[in-house]
Amino acid sequence: MEIKVLGTGCPKCKNLEEATKKAIEELQLDATVEKVEDIMKIMEYGVASTPALVVNNKVVVNGRVPSVNEIKQFLTN
């Protein structure tokens, strides 16, 4: 599973990255998390507001930090 956290380094982006790592750990998933901070690469996903979470090249949430439980749902669906 390939997961990307899109964001320029703001506190919300860092919170999303940490929550995502926690969800992966709790689910015991084999997944990689990549932090994407380059604004041009972020725009390639059509994301207008960060932070955003991308799972297997699909944007599942943007503009907010979901809870760990919500992230778990994104990762298991």
Protein backbone atom coordinates (compact mmCIF):
# COMPACT_ATOMS: atom_id res chain seq x y z
CA MET A 1 0.00 0.00 0.00
CA GLU A 2 1.34 3.40 -0.97
CA ILE A 3 0.28 6.38 1.12
CA LYS A 4 1.17 10.02 0.58
CA VAL A 5 0.62 12.97 2.86
CA LEU A 6 0.40 16.14 0.81
CA GLY A 7 1.27 19.38 2.53
CA THR A 8 3.82 22.14 2.73
CA GLY A 9 4.95 21.44 6.28
CA CYS A 10 2.31 23.24 8.32
CA PRO A 11 1.28 21.86 11.75
CA LYS A 12 -1.89 20.28 10.30
CA CYS A 13 0.20 18.47 7.68
CA LYS A 14 2.50 17.11 10.37
CA ASN A 15 -0.53 16.03 12.44
CA LEU A 16 -1.94 14.15 9.45
CA GLU A 17 1.37 12.39 8.89
CA GLU A 18 1.57 11.31 12.53
CA ALA A 19 -2.08 10.18 12.63
CA THR A 20 -1.55 8.19 9.42
CA LYS A 21 1.51 6.44 10.84
CA LYS A 22 -0.43 5.61 14.00
CA ALA A 23 -3.33 4.15 11.97
CA ILE A 24 -0.91 2.00 9.95
CA GLU A 25 0.75 0.78 13.13
CA GLU A 26 -2.58 -0.06 14.79
CA LEU A 27 -3.76 -1.94 11.70
CA GLN A 28 -0.35 -3.60 11.29
CA LEU A 29 -0.34 -2.79 7.59
CA ASP A 30 2.58 -3.14 5.23
CA ALA A 31 2.55 0.38 3.89
CA THR A 32 4.92 3.18 3.03
CA VAL A 33 4.22 6.80 3.90
CA GLU A 34 5.69 9.52 1.75
CA LYS A 35 5.50 13.21 2.68
CA VAL A 36 5.05 15.37 -0.41
CA GLU A 37 5.86 19.04 0.17
CA ASP A 38 6.52 20.20 -3.40
CA ILE A 39 3.57 22.43 -4.34
CA MET A 40 3.79 21.44 -8.02
CA LYS A 41 3.53 17.74 -7.15
CA ILE A 42 0.63 18.48 -4.77
CA MET A 43 -1.19 20.32 -7.56
CA GLU A 44 -0.83 17.24 -9.81
CA TYR A 45 -3.36 15.53 -7.52
CA GLY A 46 -5.88 18.35 -8.00
CA VAL A 47 -5.69 19.28 -4.33
CA ALA A 48 -6.59 22.91 -3.64
CA SER A 49 -6.23 22.85 0.15
CA THR A 50 -3.84 20.89 2.32
CA PRO A 51 -3.29 18.68 4.13
CA ALA A 52 -4.41 15.83 1.93
CA LEU A 53 -4.16 12.07 2.19
CA VAL A 54 -3.57 9.92 -0.88
CA VAL A 55 -4.01 6.14 -0.72
CA ASN A 56 -2.81 4.17 -3.75
CA ASN A 57 -2.85 7.35 -5.89
CA LYS A 58 -6.41 8.30 -4.90
CA VAL A 59 -7.10 11.42 -2.83
CA VAL A 60 -9.29 10.26 0.05
CA VAL A 61 -9.43 13.48 2.08
CA ASN A 62 -8.17 17.03 1.77
CA GLY A 63 -8.36 20.30 3.62
CA ARG A 64 -8.60 18.76 7.08
CA VAL A 65 -7.02 16.29 9.48
CA PRO A 66 -9.23 13.21 9.92
CA SER A 67 -9.18 11.16 13.13
CA VAL A 68 -7.04 8.04 13.40
CA ASN A 69 -10.22 5.93 13.22
CA GLU A 70 -11.31 7.69 10.04
CA ILE A 71 -7.90 7.13 8.51
CA LYS A 72 -8.18 3.43 9.40
CA GLN A 73 -11.44 3.30 7.43
CA PHE A 74 -9.74 4.86 4.40
CA LEU A 75 -6.95 2.29 4.63
CA THR A 76 -9.20 -0.75 4.94
CA ASN A 77 -11.78 0.14 2.26
